[in-house]
N, C-alpha and C. Protein backbone atom coordinates (compact mmCIF):
# COMPACT_ATOMS: atom_id res chain seq x y z
N MET A 1 0.82 -1.19 0.00
CA MET A 1 0.00 0.00 0.00
C MET A 1 0.87 1.25 0.00
N LYS A 2 1.98 1.18 0.75
CA LYS A 2 2.87 2.33 0.83
C LYS A 2 3.50 2.62 -0.53
N GLY A 3 3.90 1.58 -1.29
CA GLY A 3 4.48 1.74 -2.62
C GLY A 3 3.49 2.34 -3.60
N PHE A 4 2.21 1.97 -3.46
CA PHE A 4 1.16 2.48 -4.34
C PHE A 4 1.03 4.00 -4.20
N PHE A 5 1.00 4.48 -2.94
CA PHE A 5 0.86 5.91 -2.70
C PHE A 5 2.11 6.68 -3.12
N SER A 6 3.28 6.11 -2.89
CA SER A 6 4.50 6.81 -3.27
C SER A 6 4.63 6.90 -4.79
N SER A 7 4.20 5.86 -5.53
CA SER A 7 4.26 5.93 -6.99
C SER A 7 3.24 6.93 -7.52
N LYS A 8 2.06 7.01 -6.90
CA LYS A 8 1.05 8.00 -7.30
C LYS A 8 1.54 9.42 -7.01
N LEU A 9 2.20 9.59 -5.86
CA LEU A 9 2.74 10.90 -5.51
C LEU A 9 3.84 11.31 -6.48
N LEU A 10 4.71 10.37 -6.84
CA LEU A 10 5.78 10.64 -7.80
C LEU A 10 5.19 11.02 -9.16
N LEU A 11 4.16 10.29 -9.59
CA LEU A 11 3.51 10.61 -10.86
C LEU A 11 2.89 12.00 -10.82
N LEU A 12 2.25 12.35 -9.72
CA LEU A 12 1.65 13.67 -9.57
C LEU A 12 2.71 14.76 -9.64
N ILE A 13 3.84 14.54 -8.98
CA ILE A 13 4.93 15.52 -8.99
C ILE A 13 5.46 15.70 -10.41
N VAL A 14 5.65 14.61 -11.14
CA VAL A 14 6.15 14.67 -12.52
C VAL A 14 5.17 15.44 -13.40
N VAL A 15 3.87 15.17 -13.26
CA VAL A 15 2.85 15.84 -14.08
C VAL A 15 2.83 17.34 -13.76
N VAL A 16 2.93 17.71 -12.50
CA VAL A 16 2.93 19.13 -12.10
C VAL A 16 4.16 19.84 -12.66
N ILE A 17 5.32 19.21 -12.56
CA ILE A 17 6.55 19.82 -13.07
C ILE A 17 6.48 19.96 -14.59
N ALA A 18 6.01 18.92 -15.28
CA ALA A 18 5.89 18.99 -16.75
C ALA A 18 4.91 20.09 -17.15
N GLY A 19 3.80 20.19 -16.44
CA GLY A 19 2.83 21.24 -16.72
C GLY A 19 3.41 22.63 -16.51
N ALA A 20 4.19 22.78 -15.43
CA ALA A 20 4.81 24.09 -15.16
C ALA A 20 5.82 24.46 -16.24
N VAL A 21 6.60 23.48 -16.69
CA VAL A 21 7.59 23.75 -17.75
C VAL A 21 6.87 24.13 -19.04
N LEU A 22 5.84 23.38 -19.41
CA LEU A 22 5.10 23.69 -20.64
C LEU A 22 4.41 25.05 -20.54
N TRP A 23 3.88 25.38 -19.36
CA TRP A 23 3.25 26.69 -19.19
C TRP A 23 4.28 27.80 -19.31
N LYS A 24 5.46 27.60 -18.73
CA LYS A 24 6.52 28.61 -18.82
C LYS A 24 6.97 28.82 -20.26
N LEU A 25 6.98 27.73 -21.05
CA LEU A 25 7.36 27.83 -22.46
C LEU A 25 6.22 28.38 -23.31
N ASP A 26 5.07 28.60 -22.69
CA ASP A 26 3.90 29.18 -23.35
C ASP A 26 3.38 28.29 -24.47
N VAL A 27 3.44 26.99 -24.26
CA VAL A 27 2.98 26.02 -25.26
C VAL A 27 1.47 26.06 -25.40
N PHE A 28 0.77 26.41 -24.34
CA PHE A 28 -0.68 26.36 -24.36
C PHE A 28 -1.33 27.59 -25.00
N THR A 29 -0.57 28.61 -25.28
CA THR A 29 -1.11 29.82 -25.88
C THR A 29 -1.11 29.69 -27.39
N PRO A 30 -2.28 29.72 -28.01
CA PRO A 30 -2.32 29.60 -29.47
C PRO A 30 -1.82 30.88 -30.15
N THR A 31 -1.49 30.76 -31.43
CA THR A 31 -1.14 31.94 -32.21
C THR A 31 -2.37 32.83 -32.31
N SER A 32 -2.18 34.10 -32.13
CA SER A 32 -3.29 35.03 -32.24
C SER A 32 -3.82 35.02 -33.67
N SER A 33 -5.14 35.07 -33.81
CA SER A 33 -5.73 35.13 -35.15
C SER A 33 -5.79 36.58 -35.63
N LYS A 34 -5.57 37.53 -34.71
CA LYS A 34 -5.57 38.95 -35.06
C LYS A 34 -4.15 39.40 -35.38
N TYR A 35 -4.08 40.40 -36.22
CA TYR A 35 -2.78 41.02 -36.46
C TYR A 35 -2.46 41.93 -35.28
N GLN A 36 -1.17 42.00 -34.97
CA GLN A 36 -0.71 42.84 -33.88
C GLN A 36 0.46 43.69 -34.36
N ALA A 37 0.59 44.85 -33.77
CA ALA A 37 1.74 45.72 -34.02
C ALA A 37 2.71 45.53 -32.86
N VAL A 38 3.96 45.23 -33.19
CA VAL A 38 4.99 45.02 -32.17
C VAL A 38 6.00 46.15 -32.29
N PHE A 39 6.07 46.99 -31.27
CA PHE A 39 6.96 48.15 -31.26
C PHE A 39 8.22 47.77 -30.50
N LEU A 40 9.38 47.94 -31.16
CA LEU A 40 10.65 47.55 -30.57
C LEU A 40 11.44 48.75 -30.07
N THR A 41 12.44 48.49 -29.25
CA THR A 41 13.25 49.54 -28.65
C THR A 41 14.11 50.27 -29.68
N ASN A 42 14.32 49.68 -30.86
CA ASN A 42 15.14 50.32 -31.91
C ASN A 42 14.27 51.13 -32.88
N ASN A 43 13.04 51.44 -32.47
CA ASN A 43 12.08 52.24 -33.24
C ASN A 43 11.50 51.52 -34.45
N GLN A 44 11.71 50.22 -34.57
CA GLN A 44 11.08 49.46 -35.65
C GLN A 44 9.73 48.96 -35.18
N VAL A 45 8.81 48.81 -36.14
CA VAL A 45 7.49 48.26 -35.86
C VAL A 45 7.25 47.13 -36.85
N TYR A 46 6.84 45.99 -36.34
CA TYR A 46 6.49 44.85 -37.18
C TYR A 46 5.03 44.52 -36.95
N PHE A 47 4.36 44.06 -37.99
CA PHE A 47 2.96 43.66 -37.91
C PHE A 47 2.90 42.17 -38.23
N GLY A 48 2.15 41.43 -37.44
CA GLY A 48 2.04 40.01 -37.69
C GLY A 48 1.15 39.36 -36.65
N LYS A 49 1.21 38.02 -36.62
CA LYS A 49 0.42 37.24 -35.67
C LYS A 49 1.38 36.61 -34.66
N MET A 50 1.14 36.90 -33.39
CA MET A 50 2.06 36.51 -32.34
C MET A 50 1.62 35.23 -31.64
N SER A 51 2.61 34.42 -31.29
CA SER A 51 2.40 33.27 -30.42
C SER A 51 3.49 33.29 -29.37
N GLN A 52 3.32 32.48 -28.35
CA GLN A 52 4.27 32.40 -27.24
C GLN A 52 4.56 33.79 -26.67
N ALA A 53 3.51 34.58 -26.56
CA ALA A 53 3.65 35.98 -26.14
C ALA A 53 4.20 36.13 -24.73
N ASN A 54 4.03 35.14 -23.88
CA ASN A 54 4.51 35.25 -22.51
C ASN A 54 5.91 34.69 -22.32
N GLY A 55 6.49 34.14 -23.38
CA GLY A 55 7.82 33.55 -23.26
C GLY A 55 8.92 34.60 -23.36
N ASN A 56 10.15 34.16 -23.21
CA ASN A 56 11.29 35.08 -23.33
C ASN A 56 11.52 35.52 -24.77
N TYR A 57 11.09 34.70 -25.73
CA TYR A 57 11.25 35.01 -27.14
C TYR A 57 9.91 34.80 -27.85
N PRO A 58 8.99 35.78 -27.75
CA PRO A 58 7.72 35.65 -28.47
C PRO A 58 7.98 35.46 -29.96
N VAL A 59 7.08 34.73 -30.63
CA VAL A 59 7.23 34.41 -32.05
C VAL A 59 6.21 35.21 -32.84
N LEU A 60 6.68 35.89 -33.88
CA LEU A 60 5.82 36.65 -34.78
C LEU A 60 5.85 35.99 -36.14
N LYS A 61 4.68 35.73 -36.72
CA LYS A 61 4.57 35.09 -38.03
C LYS A 61 3.70 35.96 -38.93
N ASP A 62 3.75 35.67 -40.23
CA ASP A 62 2.98 36.43 -41.22
C ASP A 62 3.34 37.91 -41.05
N ILE A 63 4.61 38.22 -41.25
CA ILE A 63 5.19 39.51 -40.84
C ILE A 63 5.21 40.54 -41.97
N TYR A 64 4.87 41.76 -41.61
CA TYR A 64 4.94 42.92 -42.49
C TYR A 64 5.63 44.04 -41.73
N TYR A 65 6.19 44.98 -42.46
CA TYR A 65 6.79 46.16 -41.84
C TYR A 65 6.61 47.35 -42.77
N LEU A 66 6.86 48.54 -42.25
CA LEU A 66 6.73 49.76 -43.05
C LEU A 66 8.08 50.17 -43.59
N ARG A 67 8.09 50.53 -44.86
CA ARG A 67 9.29 51.10 -45.49
C ARG A 67 8.96 52.55 -45.80
N VAL A 68 9.77 53.45 -45.27
CA VAL A 68 9.56 54.88 -45.49
C VAL A 68 10.65 55.36 -46.44
N SER A 69 10.22 55.95 -47.55
CA SER A 69 11.15 56.48 -48.55
C SER A 69 11.01 57.99 -48.60
N GLN A 70 12.12 58.65 -48.68
CA GLN A 70 12.13 60.11 -48.78
C GLN A 70 12.03 60.50 -50.25
N VAL A 71 11.08 61.36 -50.59
CA VAL A 71 10.95 61.88 -51.94
C VAL A 71 11.91 63.05 -52.07
N LEU A 72 12.90 62.92 -52.94
CA LEU A 72 13.94 63.95 -53.05
C LEU A 72 13.44 65.22 -53.72
N GLN A 73 12.77 65.05 -54.83
CA GLN A 73 12.25 66.22 -55.54
C GLN A 73 10.81 65.96 -55.96
N PRO A 74 9.88 66.28 -55.07
CA PRO A 74 8.48 66.04 -55.42
C PRO A 74 8.06 66.94 -56.58
N ARG A 75 7.33 66.35 -57.51
CA ARG A 75 6.85 67.12 -58.67
C ARG A 75 5.71 68.05 -58.29
N ASN A 76 4.95 67.64 -57.32
CA ASN A 76 3.81 68.42 -56.90
C ASN A 76 4.09 68.91 -55.48
N PRO A 77 3.97 70.21 -55.20
CA PRO A 77 4.25 70.71 -53.85
C PRO A 77 3.28 70.15 -52.80
N ASN A 78 2.14 69.63 -53.25
CA ASN A 78 1.16 69.06 -52.32
C ASN A 78 1.45 67.59 -52.02
N THR A 79 2.43 67.01 -52.70
CA THR A 79 2.80 65.62 -52.47
C THR A 79 3.60 65.51 -51.19
N PRO A 80 3.30 64.50 -50.36
CA PRO A 80 4.08 64.35 -49.13
C PRO A 80 5.55 64.08 -49.43
N GLU A 81 6.42 64.50 -48.54
CA GLU A 81 7.85 64.32 -48.74
C GLU A 81 8.29 62.90 -48.43
N GLN A 82 7.42 62.12 -47.82
CA GLN A 82 7.73 60.73 -47.52
C GLN A 82 6.70 59.82 -48.15
N GLN A 83 7.15 58.67 -48.63
CA GLN A 83 6.25 57.64 -49.12
C GLN A 83 6.35 56.46 -48.17
N ILE A 84 5.20 55.98 -47.72
CA ILE A 84 5.17 54.85 -46.79
C ILE A 84 4.59 53.65 -47.51
N GLN A 85 5.31 52.53 -47.42
CA GLN A 85 4.91 51.32 -48.13
C GLN A 85 4.92 50.16 -47.14
N LEU A 86 3.88 49.33 -47.18
CA LEU A 86 3.82 48.13 -46.36
C LEU A 86 4.53 47.00 -47.12
N VAL A 87 5.49 46.34 -46.47
CA VAL A 87 6.33 45.34 -47.13
C VAL A 87 6.18 44.01 -46.41
N LYS A 88 6.03 42.93 -47.18
CA LYS A 88 5.98 41.58 -46.64
C LYS A 88 7.40 41.09 -46.38
N LEU A 89 7.66 40.58 -45.18
CA LEU A 89 8.98 40.06 -44.85
C LEU A 89 9.26 38.80 -45.67
N GLY A 90 10.48 38.71 -46.20
CA GLY A 90 10.88 37.50 -46.90
C GLY A 90 11.61 37.73 -48.20
N ASN A 91 11.46 38.91 -48.79
CA ASN A 91 12.12 39.18 -50.08
C ASN A 91 13.39 40.00 -49.92
N GLU A 92 13.87 40.16 -48.71
CA GLU A 92 15.09 40.92 -48.47
C GLU A 92 16.31 40.14 -48.96
N LEU A 93 17.42 40.82 -49.06
CA LEU A 93 18.66 40.24 -49.58
C LEU A 93 19.07 38.97 -48.83
N HIS A 94 18.91 38.97 -47.51
CA HIS A 94 19.33 37.81 -46.72
C HIS A 94 18.29 36.69 -46.70
N GLY A 95 17.11 36.88 -47.31
CA GLY A 95 16.10 35.84 -47.48
C GLY A 95 15.57 35.24 -46.19
N PRO A 96 15.03 36.06 -45.28
CA PRO A 96 14.53 35.51 -44.02
C PRO A 96 13.25 34.70 -44.19
N GLU A 97 13.04 33.75 -43.30
CA GLU A 97 11.77 33.03 -43.22
C GLU A 97 10.73 33.99 -42.67
N ASP A 98 9.47 33.64 -42.86
CA ASP A 98 8.38 34.49 -42.38
C ASP A 98 8.05 34.17 -40.93
N GLU A 99 9.07 34.18 -40.10
CA GLU A 99 8.91 33.95 -38.67
C GLU A 99 10.05 34.66 -37.95
N MET A 100 9.71 35.31 -36.87
CA MET A 100 10.72 36.07 -36.13
C MET A 100 10.55 35.79 -34.64
N ARG A 101 11.63 35.41 -33.99
CA ARG A 101 11.65 35.26 -32.54
C ARG A 101 12.29 36.53 -31.98
N ILE A 102 11.53 37.22 -31.14
CA ILE A 102 11.96 38.54 -30.67
C ILE A 102 12.29 38.47 -29.18
N ASN A 103 13.45 38.95 -28.83
CA ASN A 103 13.84 39.01 -27.42
C ASN A 103 12.86 39.92 -26.68
N ARG A 104 12.23 39.37 -25.65
CA ARG A 104 11.19 40.12 -24.92
C ARG A 104 11.72 41.46 -24.41
N SER A 105 12.99 41.55 -24.04
CA SER A 105 13.53 42.81 -23.51
C SER A 105 13.60 43.89 -24.59
N GLN A 106 13.46 43.53 -25.86
CA GLN A 106 13.50 44.51 -26.94
C GLN A 106 12.12 45.01 -27.35
N ILE A 107 11.07 44.46 -26.73
CA ILE A 107 9.70 44.86 -27.06
C ILE A 107 9.24 45.95 -26.11
N LEU A 108 8.84 47.10 -26.68
CA LEU A 108 8.29 48.18 -25.86
C LEU A 108 6.84 47.89 -25.50
N PHE A 109 6.03 47.58 -26.54
CA PHE A 109 4.64 47.23 -26.31
C PHE A 109 4.06 46.57 -27.56
N ILE A 110 2.90 45.94 -27.37
CA ILE A 110 2.21 45.21 -28.43
C ILE A 110 0.78 45.72 -28.46
N GLU A 111 0.28 45.99 -29.67
CA GLU A 111 -1.11 46.43 -29.82
C GLU A 111 -1.85 45.49 -30.76
N ASP A 112 -3.09 45.14 -30.41
CA ASP A 112 -3.96 44.41 -31.32
C ASP A 112 -4.49 45.39 -32.35
N LEU A 113 -4.52 44.98 -33.61
CA LEU A 113 -5.02 45.84 -34.68
C LEU A 113 -6.47 45.52 -34.98
N LYS A 114 -7.26 46.54 -35.23
CA LYS A 114 -8.65 46.35 -35.62
C LYS A 114 -8.71 45.77 -37.03
N ALA A 115 -9.74 45.01 -37.30
CA ALA A 115 -9.90 44.39 -38.62
C ALA A 115 -10.03 45.43 -39.73
N ASP A 116 -10.52 46.64 -39.40
CA ASP A 116 -10.69 47.67 -40.42
C ASP A 116 -9.58 48.72 -40.40
N SER A 117 -8.46 48.43 -39.73
CA SER A 117 -7.35 49.39 -39.71
C SER A 117 -6.71 49.46 -41.09
N GLN A 118 -6.01 50.54 -41.36
CA GLN A 118 -5.36 50.71 -42.66
C GLN A 118 -4.32 49.62 -42.91
N VAL A 119 -3.61 49.22 -41.85
CA VAL A 119 -2.58 48.18 -42.01
C VAL A 119 -3.22 46.84 -42.34
N VAL A 120 -4.24 46.44 -41.59
CA VAL A 120 -4.90 45.14 -41.86
C VAL A 120 -5.58 45.16 -43.22
N THR A 121 -6.17 46.26 -43.60
CA THR A 121 -6.77 46.38 -44.93
C THR A 121 -5.71 46.21 -46.01
N ALA A 122 -4.55 46.84 -45.85
CA ALA A 122 -3.46 46.70 -46.82
C ALA A 122 -2.94 45.26 -46.87
N ILE A 123 -2.84 44.62 -45.72
CA ILE A 123 -2.39 43.21 -45.68
C ILE A 123 -3.39 42.33 -46.42
N ASN A 124 -4.67 42.51 -46.15
CA ASN A 124 -5.70 41.70 -46.82
C ASN A 124 -5.69 41.91 -48.33
N GLU A 125 -5.48 43.15 -48.77
CA GLU A 125 -5.39 43.43 -50.20
C GLU A 125 -4.16 42.75 -50.81
N PHE A 126 -3.05 42.77 -50.10
CA PHE A 126 -1.83 42.11 -50.57
C PHE A 126 -2.06 40.61 -50.70
N VAL A 127 -2.69 40.01 -49.69
CA VAL A 127 -2.96 38.56 -49.72
C VAL A 127 -3.87 38.20 -50.89
N LYS A 128 -4.91 39.01 -51.12
CA LYS A 128 -5.82 38.76 -52.25
C LYS A 128 -5.08 38.87 -53.58
N SER A 129 -4.18 39.84 -53.69
CA SER A 129 -3.46 40.01 -54.96
C SER A 129 -2.50 38.85 -55.21
N GLN A 130 -1.99 38.25 -54.16
CA GLN A 130 -1.09 37.10 -54.31
C GLN A 130 -1.86 35.83 -54.66
N ALA A 131 -3.11 35.76 -54.21
CA ALA A 131 -3.93 34.56 -54.43
C ALA A 131 -4.64 34.59 -55.78
N ALA A 132 -4.75 35.77 -56.38
CA ALA A 132 -5.46 35.89 -57.65
C ALA A 132 -4.69 35.17 -58.75
N PRO A 133 -5.38 34.35 -59.56
CA PRO A 133 -4.70 33.65 -60.64
C PRO A 133 -4.27 34.62 -61.74
N ALA A 134 -3.17 34.33 -62.35
CA ALA A 134 -2.68 35.16 -63.46
C ALA A 134 -3.60 35.00 -64.65
N VAL A 135 -3.90 36.09 -65.32
CA VAL A 135 -4.75 36.06 -66.51
C VAL A 135 -3.86 36.12 -67.73
N GLU A 136 -4.04 35.14 -68.63
CA GLU A 136 -3.23 35.11 -69.84
C GLU A 136 -3.77 36.09 -70.88
N ALA A 137 -2.88 36.79 -71.52
CA ALA A 137 -3.27 37.69 -72.61
C ALA A 137 -3.48 36.87 -73.87
N GLN A 138 -4.56 37.16 -74.60
CA GLN A 138 -4.84 36.40 -75.81
C GLN A 138 -4.72 37.25 -77.02
């Protein structure tokens, strides 16, 4: 009888420790279905879907960022001096995967984006344009 209780106690301890480790690794938190803006300490902002948000290295997937270009000589004085473009991560020179693990100490804050925000609207338009079949010229 004593062996039965000690084996049950050992099993309970193992299950509790395994659960604590998995919780610490944030395994139970699903990837957010909403887009989020992640503001970093180096003034960069990335947009994507976050998982493992409570871990030391949250994971961002389906990533976009803003590219700001300075217009050197605008033709129209009413044209803004900067052009802002939403860019999908992955086509850069170094060819990154569409996943980023971010050191938690480098994150200033995270915001959930509304479905009708300009960024989410631009992302949805980009996704639709990529999914559209090519039309052959006849």
